[in-house]
């Protein structure tokens, strides 16, 4: 009996927004590689993200190990984009004092919240 060797496609898909996801899940390549580089095994990654199969995670890790420079460049671009988005959001929605505003809202009596929501 001879072993038939077939090529296994890498289960990565680029969404319309440019984010690379694993298989048919919403789990991003960023997430899987971050877990792997932090020391998680493929089994631990699947335990944390059960929409992934063990085979998919192993193939993605193998792809990363073979194409490390390209994947690292992609991940670097994603981190830079995240910084830019955060900065734009902080300009639009000033984070200064947010903790105090949230605590004040929590301490406000419930009947006042209902009154406020009715007047809005």
N, C-alpha and C. Protein backbone atom coordinates (compact mmCIF):
# COMPACT_ATOMS: atom_id res chain seq x y z
N UNK A 1 0.84 -1.17 0.00
CA UNK A 1 0.00 0.00 0.00
C UNK A 1 0.89 1.24 0.00
N UNK A 2 0.56 2.19 -0.85
CA UNK A 2 1.37 3.42 -0.88
C UNK A 2 0.56 4.57 -0.30
N UNK A 3 1.28 5.47 0.26
CA UNK A 3 0.66 6.64 0.86
C UNK A 3 0.43 7.69 -0.21
N UNK A 4 -0.77 8.20 -0.30
CA UNK A 4 -1.09 9.26 -1.24
C UNK A 4 -0.87 10.59 -0.52
N UNK A 5 0.02 11.38 -1.07
CA UNK A 5 0.33 12.66 -0.45
C UNK A 5 -0.43 13.75 -1.20
N UNK A 6 -1.22 14.51 -0.44
CA UNK A 6 -2.00 15.60 -1.04
C UNK A 6 -1.61 16.91 -0.35
N UNK A 7 -1.71 17.96 -1.10
CA UNK A 7 -1.44 19.28 -0.52
C UNK A 7 -2.66 19.73 0.25
N UNK A 8 -2.44 20.23 1.44
CA UNK A 8 -3.52 20.75 2.26
C UNK A 8 -3.55 22.27 2.12
N UNK A 9 -4.68 22.81 1.68
CA UNK A 9 -4.75 24.26 1.56
C UNK A 9 -4.71 24.94 2.93
N UNK A 10 -4.13 26.12 2.97
CA UNK A 10 -4.08 26.88 4.21
C UNK A 10 -5.48 27.48 4.43
N UNK A 11 -6.11 27.20 5.56
CA UNK A 11 -7.48 27.65 5.78
C UNK A 11 -7.56 29.11 6.23
N UNK A 12 -7.07 30.00 5.38
CA UNK A 12 -7.12 31.42 5.67
C UNK A 12 -7.94 32.12 4.60
N UNK A 13 -8.77 33.04 5.03
CA UNK A 13 -9.60 33.81 4.10
C UNK A 13 -9.50 35.27 4.46
N UNK A 14 -9.35 36.10 3.43
CA UNK A 14 -9.31 37.54 3.65
C UNK A 14 -10.72 38.08 3.46
N UNK A 15 -11.24 38.72 4.49
CA UNK A 15 -12.58 39.30 4.45
C UNK A 15 -12.55 40.61 3.65
N UNK A 16 -13.71 41.14 3.39
CA UNK A 16 -13.84 42.39 2.63
C UNK A 16 -13.07 43.53 3.29
N UNK A 17 -13.03 43.52 4.63
CA UNK A 17 -12.33 44.58 5.35
C UNK A 17 -10.83 44.37 5.44
N UNK A 18 -10.32 43.30 4.80
CA UNK A 18 -8.89 43.04 4.77
C UNK A 18 -8.37 42.21 5.93
N UNK A 19 -9.26 41.81 6.82
CA UNK A 19 -8.87 41.00 7.98
C UNK A 19 -8.80 39.54 7.57
N UNK A 20 -7.71 38.88 7.93
CA UNK A 20 -7.54 37.46 7.60
C UNK A 20 -8.13 36.63 8.74
N UNK A 21 -9.05 35.74 8.37
CA UNK A 21 -9.72 34.88 9.35
C UNK A 21 -9.39 33.42 9.05
N UNK A 22 -9.51 32.58 10.08
CA UNK A 22 -9.18 31.17 9.95
C UNK A 22 -10.43 30.37 9.61
N UNK A 23 -10.34 29.62 8.52
CA UNK A 23 -11.45 28.76 8.09
C UNK A 23 -12.72 29.53 7.89
N UNK A 24 -13.82 28.94 8.33
CA UNK A 24 -15.13 29.60 8.22
C UNK A 24 -15.52 30.27 9.52
N UNK A 25 -14.55 30.55 10.35
CA UNK A 25 -14.82 31.16 11.66
C UNK A 25 -14.60 32.67 11.59
N UNK A 26 -14.88 33.30 12.72
CA UNK A 26 -14.60 34.73 12.86
C UNK A 26 -13.27 34.96 13.58
N UNK A 27 -12.58 33.89 13.90
CA UNK A 27 -11.30 33.99 14.61
C UNK A 27 -10.25 34.51 13.63
N UNK A 28 -9.53 35.53 14.04
CA UNK A 28 -8.55 36.14 13.14
C UNK A 28 -7.19 35.43 13.21
N UNK A 29 -6.44 35.60 12.15
CA UNK A 29 -5.07 35.10 12.12
C UNK A 29 -4.28 35.73 13.27
N UNK A 30 -4.52 36.99 13.53
CA UNK A 30 -3.85 37.71 14.62
C UNK A 30 -4.03 36.96 15.94
N UNK A 31 -5.24 36.52 16.20
CA UNK A 31 -5.58 35.84 17.45
C UNK A 31 -4.83 34.53 17.59
N UNK A 32 -4.83 33.74 16.53
CA UNK A 32 -4.18 32.43 16.58
C UNK A 32 -2.67 32.59 16.74
N UNK A 33 -2.08 33.48 15.99
CA UNK A 33 -0.63 33.66 16.06
C UNK A 33 -0.23 34.26 17.41
N UNK A 34 -1.02 35.18 17.93
CA UNK A 34 -0.70 35.75 19.25
C UNK A 34 -0.72 34.66 20.31
N UNK A 35 -1.72 33.81 20.28
CA UNK A 35 -1.79 32.71 21.25
C UNK A 35 -0.59 31.78 21.11
N UNK A 36 -0.26 31.45 19.86
CA UNK A 36 0.88 30.56 19.61
C UNK A 36 2.19 31.17 20.10
N UNK A 37 2.43 32.43 19.79
CA UNK A 37 3.69 33.07 20.18
C UNK A 37 3.77 33.29 21.69
N UNK A 38 2.61 33.29 22.36
CA UNK A 38 2.59 33.41 23.82
C UNK A 38 2.74 32.05 24.50
N UNK A 39 2.89 30.99 23.68
CA UNK A 39 3.17 29.68 24.24
C UNK A 39 2.03 28.69 24.24
N UNK A 40 0.87 29.07 23.71
CA UNK A 40 -0.26 28.15 23.68
C UNK A 40 -0.02 27.05 22.64
N UNK A 41 -0.44 25.85 22.97
CA UNK A 41 -0.36 24.75 22.00
C UNK A 41 -1.58 24.82 21.08
N UNK A 42 -1.53 24.07 19.99
CA UNK A 42 -2.66 24.03 19.08
C UNK A 42 -3.91 23.54 19.81
N UNK A 43 -3.74 22.57 20.68
CA UNK A 43 -4.88 22.04 21.44
C UNK A 43 -5.48 23.10 22.36
N UNK A 44 -4.62 23.90 22.99
CA UNK A 44 -5.12 24.97 23.86
C UNK A 44 -5.84 26.04 23.06
N UNK A 45 -5.34 26.33 21.87
CA UNK A 45 -6.00 27.32 21.01
C UNK A 45 -7.39 26.84 20.62
N UNK A 46 -7.50 25.57 20.25
CA UNK A 46 -8.81 25.01 19.89
C UNK A 46 -9.74 24.99 21.09
N UNK A 47 -9.21 24.72 22.27
CA UNK A 47 -10.04 24.74 23.47
C UNK A 47 -10.60 26.13 23.73
N UNK A 48 -9.80 27.14 23.44
CA UNK A 48 -10.24 28.52 23.66
C UNK A 48 -11.15 29.01 22.53
N UNK A 49 -10.96 28.51 21.33
CA UNK A 49 -11.75 28.92 20.16
C UNK A 49 -12.33 27.67 19.50
N UNK A 50 -13.41 27.13 20.04
CA UNK A 50 -13.94 25.85 19.56
C UNK A 50 -14.51 25.87 18.15
N UNK A 51 -14.63 27.04 17.53
CA UNK A 51 -15.08 27.07 16.13
C UNK A 51 -13.95 26.65 15.19
N UNK A 52 -12.73 26.55 15.73
CA UNK A 52 -11.59 26.11 14.93
C UNK A 52 -11.40 24.61 15.12
N UNK A 53 -10.90 23.97 14.07
CA UNK A 53 -10.55 22.56 14.22
C UNK A 53 -9.05 22.47 14.52
N UNK A 54 -8.67 21.36 15.11
CA UNK A 54 -7.26 21.16 15.44
C UNK A 54 -6.42 21.17 14.17
N UNK A 55 -6.92 20.55 13.11
CA UNK A 55 -6.18 20.51 11.84
C UNK A 55 -5.97 21.92 11.30
N UNK A 56 -7.01 22.76 11.36
CA UNK A 56 -6.87 24.14 10.87
C UNK A 56 -5.79 24.88 11.63
N UNK A 57 -5.78 24.74 12.94
CA UNK A 57 -4.80 25.46 13.76
C UNK A 57 -3.39 24.99 13.45
N UNK A 58 -3.20 23.68 13.31
CA UNK A 58 -1.87 23.18 12.97
C UNK A 58 -1.42 23.69 11.60
N UNK A 59 -2.31 23.71 10.63
CA UNK A 59 -1.93 24.20 9.29
C UNK A 59 -1.59 25.69 9.35
N UNK A 60 -2.36 26.46 10.09
CA UNK A 60 -2.10 27.90 10.21
C UNK A 60 -0.76 28.15 10.91
N UNK A 61 -0.48 27.40 11.96
CA UNK A 61 0.81 27.54 12.64
C UNK A 61 1.94 27.16 11.70
N UNK A 62 1.77 26.09 10.95
CA UNK A 62 2.79 25.69 9.98
C UNK A 62 3.01 26.76 8.93
N UNK A 63 1.92 27.35 8.46
CA UNK A 63 2.02 28.44 7.48
C UNK A 63 2.81 29.60 8.09
N UNK A 64 2.48 29.94 9.32
CA UNK A 64 3.19 31.03 10.00
C UNK A 64 4.68 30.74 10.10
N UNK A 65 5.03 29.53 10.47
CA UNK A 65 6.44 29.18 10.62
C UNK A 65 7.18 29.20 9.29
N UNK A 66 6.49 28.90 8.20
CA UNK A 66 7.13 28.91 6.88
C UNK A 66 7.14 30.31 6.26
N UNK A 67 6.17 31.13 6.60
CA UNK A 67 6.02 32.46 5.99
C UNK A 67 6.10 33.55 7.06
N UNK A 68 6.96 33.36 8.01
CA UNK A 68 7.01 34.24 9.18
C UNK A 68 7.18 35.72 8.80
N UNK A 69 8.05 36.03 7.88
CA UNK A 69 8.29 37.43 7.51
C UNK A 69 7.02 38.08 6.96
N UNK A 70 6.33 37.37 6.07
CA UNK A 70 5.09 37.92 5.50
C UNK A 70 4.00 38.07 6.54
N UNK A 71 3.84 37.07 7.39
CA UNK A 71 2.80 37.13 8.42
C UNK A 71 3.14 38.22 9.43
N UNK A 72 4.39 38.32 9.82
CA UNK A 72 4.78 39.37 10.76
C UNK A 72 4.55 40.76 10.17
N UNK A 73 4.79 40.93 8.88
CA UNK A 73 4.53 42.21 8.22
C UNK A 73 3.03 42.53 8.25
N UNK A 74 2.20 41.53 7.96
CA UNK A 74 0.75 41.70 8.02
C UNK A 74 0.31 42.09 9.44
N UNK A 75 0.83 41.37 10.44
CA UNK A 75 0.47 41.64 11.83
C UNK A 75 0.92 43.03 12.25
N UNK A 76 2.06 43.46 11.78
CA UNK A 76 2.56 44.79 12.09
C UNK A 76 1.64 45.86 11.49
N UNK A 77 1.20 45.65 10.26
CA UNK A 77 0.24 46.57 9.64
C UNK A 77 -1.06 46.63 10.43
N UNK A 78 -1.53 45.47 10.91
CA UNK A 78 -2.77 45.43 11.69
C UNK A 78 -2.60 46.19 13.01
N UNK A 79 -1.45 46.04 13.65
CA UNK A 79 -1.22 46.77 14.90
C UNK A 79 -1.19 48.27 14.65
N UNK A 80 -0.55 48.69 13.56
CA UNK A 80 -0.48 50.11 13.24
C UNK A 80 -1.87 50.66 12.95
N UNK A 81 -2.67 49.91 12.21
CA UNK A 81 -4.04 50.32 11.93
C UNK A 81 -4.84 50.45 13.21
N UNK A 82 -4.66 49.53 14.15
CA UNK A 82 -5.36 49.58 15.43
C UNK A 82 -5.00 50.84 16.20
N UNK A 83 -3.72 51.22 16.16
CA UNK A 83 -3.28 52.45 16.83
C UNK A 83 -3.96 53.66 16.20
N UNK A 84 -4.00 53.70 14.87
CA UNK A 84 -4.61 54.83 14.17
C UNK A 84 -6.11 54.92 14.46
N UNK A 85 -6.79 53.80 14.46
CA UNK A 85 -8.23 53.79 14.75
C UNK A 85 -8.48 54.26 16.18
N UNK A 86 -7.67 53.78 17.10
CA UNK A 86 -7.83 54.20 18.50
C UNK A 86 -7.63 55.70 18.64
N UNK A 87 -6.61 56.25 17.98
CA UNK A 87 -6.35 57.68 18.05
C UNK A 87 -7.51 58.48 17.47
N UNK A 88 -8.06 58.02 16.34
CA UNK A 88 -9.22 58.72 15.75
C UNK A 88 -10.42 58.66 16.69
N UNK A 89 -10.63 57.52 17.31
CA UNK A 89 -11.77 57.38 18.23
C UNK A 89 -11.60 58.25 19.47
N UNK A 90 -10.37 58.36 19.96
CA UNK A 90 -10.13 59.19 21.13
C UNK A 90 -10.33 60.66 20.82
N UNK A 91 -10.08 61.07 19.57
CA UNK A 91 -10.36 62.45 19.17
C UNK A 91 -11.87 62.67 19.13
N UNK A 92 -12.60 61.70 18.59
CA UNK A 92 -14.06 61.82 18.48
C UNK A 92 -14.76 61.68 19.82
N UNK A 93 -14.27 60.77 20.66
CA UNK A 93 -14.91 60.47 21.93
C UNK A 93 -13.85 60.59 23.03
N UNK A 94 -13.76 61.76 23.59
CA UNK A 94 -12.72 62.07 24.59
C UNK A 94 -12.78 61.10 25.76
N UNK A 95 -11.70 60.33 25.99
CA UNK A 95 -11.71 59.37 27.09
C UNK A 95 -11.45 59.99 28.46
N UNK A 96 -11.01 61.25 28.49
CA UNK A 96 -10.72 61.88 29.78
C UNK A 96 -12.00 62.00 30.61
N UNK A 97 -11.93 61.54 31.82
CA UNK A 97 -13.06 61.64 32.73
C UNK A 97 -14.12 60.58 32.54
N UNK A 98 -13.91 59.64 31.63
CA UNK A 98 -14.95 58.64 31.38
C UNK A 98 -15.22 57.79 32.61
N UNK A 99 -14.18 57.44 33.35
CA UNK A 99 -14.38 56.63 34.56
C UNK A 99 -15.27 57.37 35.54
N UNK A 100 -15.02 58.66 35.74
CA UNK A 100 -15.83 59.45 36.66
C UNK A 100 -17.28 59.53 36.18
N UNK A 101 -17.48 59.71 34.87
CA UNK A 101 -18.84 59.78 34.33
C UNK A 101 -19.58 58.46 34.52
N UNK A 102 -18.87 57.34 34.30
CA UNK A 102 -19.51 56.04 34.47
C UNK A 102 -19.84 55.76 35.93
N UNK A 103 -18.93 56.12 36.83
CA UNK A 103 -19.20 55.93 38.25
C UNK A 103 -20.36 56.80 38.71
N UNK A 104 -20.43 58.03 38.23
CA UNK A 104 -21.54 58.92 38.58
C UNK A 104 -22.86 58.34 38.07
N UNK A 105 -22.85 57.77 36.90
CA UNK A 105 -24.06 57.17 36.34
C UNK A 105 -24.51 55.98 37.19
N UNK A 106 -23.55 55.20 37.67
CA UNK A 106 -23.88 54.03 38.48
C UNK A 106 -24.45 54.45 39.83
N UNK A 107 -23.99 55.56 40.36
CA UNK A 107 -24.43 56.03 41.68
C UNK A 107 -25.75 56.79 41.61
N UNK A 108 -26.19 57.17 40.42
CA UNK A 108 -27.44 57.91 40.26
C UNK A 108 -28.61 57.00 40.63
N UNK A 109 -29.59 57.51 41.38
CA UNK A 109 -30.75 56.68 41.73
C UNK A 109 -31.48 56.17 40.49
N UNK A 110 -32.03 54.97 40.59
CA UNK A 110 -32.70 54.33 39.46
C UNK A 110 -33.86 55.16 38.93
N UNK A 111 -34.63 55.79 39.81
CA UNK A 111 -35.78 56.55 39.33
C UNK A 111 -35.35 57.74 38.48
N UNK A 112 -34.16 58.29 38.74
CA UNK A 112 -33.65 59.39 37.92
C UNK A 112 -33.27 58.89 36.53
N UNK A 113 -32.71 57.68 36.44
CA UNK A 113 -32.35 57.13 35.14
C UNK A 113 -33.58 56.98 34.28
N UNK A 114 -34.68 56.49 34.85
CA UNK A 114 -35.92 56.33 34.09
C UNK A 114 -36.44 57.69 33.64
N UNK A 115 -36.35 58.69 34.51
CA UNK A 115 -36.79 60.03 34.15
C UNK A 115 -35.94 60.59 33.02
N UNK A 116 -34.63 60.41 33.13
CA UNK A 116 -33.72 60.93 32.11
C UNK A 116 -34.00 60.25 30.77
N UNK A 117 -34.19 58.95 30.77
CA UNK A 117 -34.40 58.25 29.50
C UNK A 117 -35.73 58.64 28.88
N UNK A 118 -36.72 58.98 29.69
CA UNK A 118 -38.01 59.39 29.15
C UNK A 118 -37.94 60.78 28.53
N UNK A 119 -37.07 61.64 29.05
CA UNK A 119 -36.96 62.98 28.52
C UNK A 119 -36.07 63.06 27.30
N UNK A 120 -35.28 62.04 27.05
CA UNK A 120 -34.41 62.03 25.88
C UNK A 120 -35.24 61.68 24.70
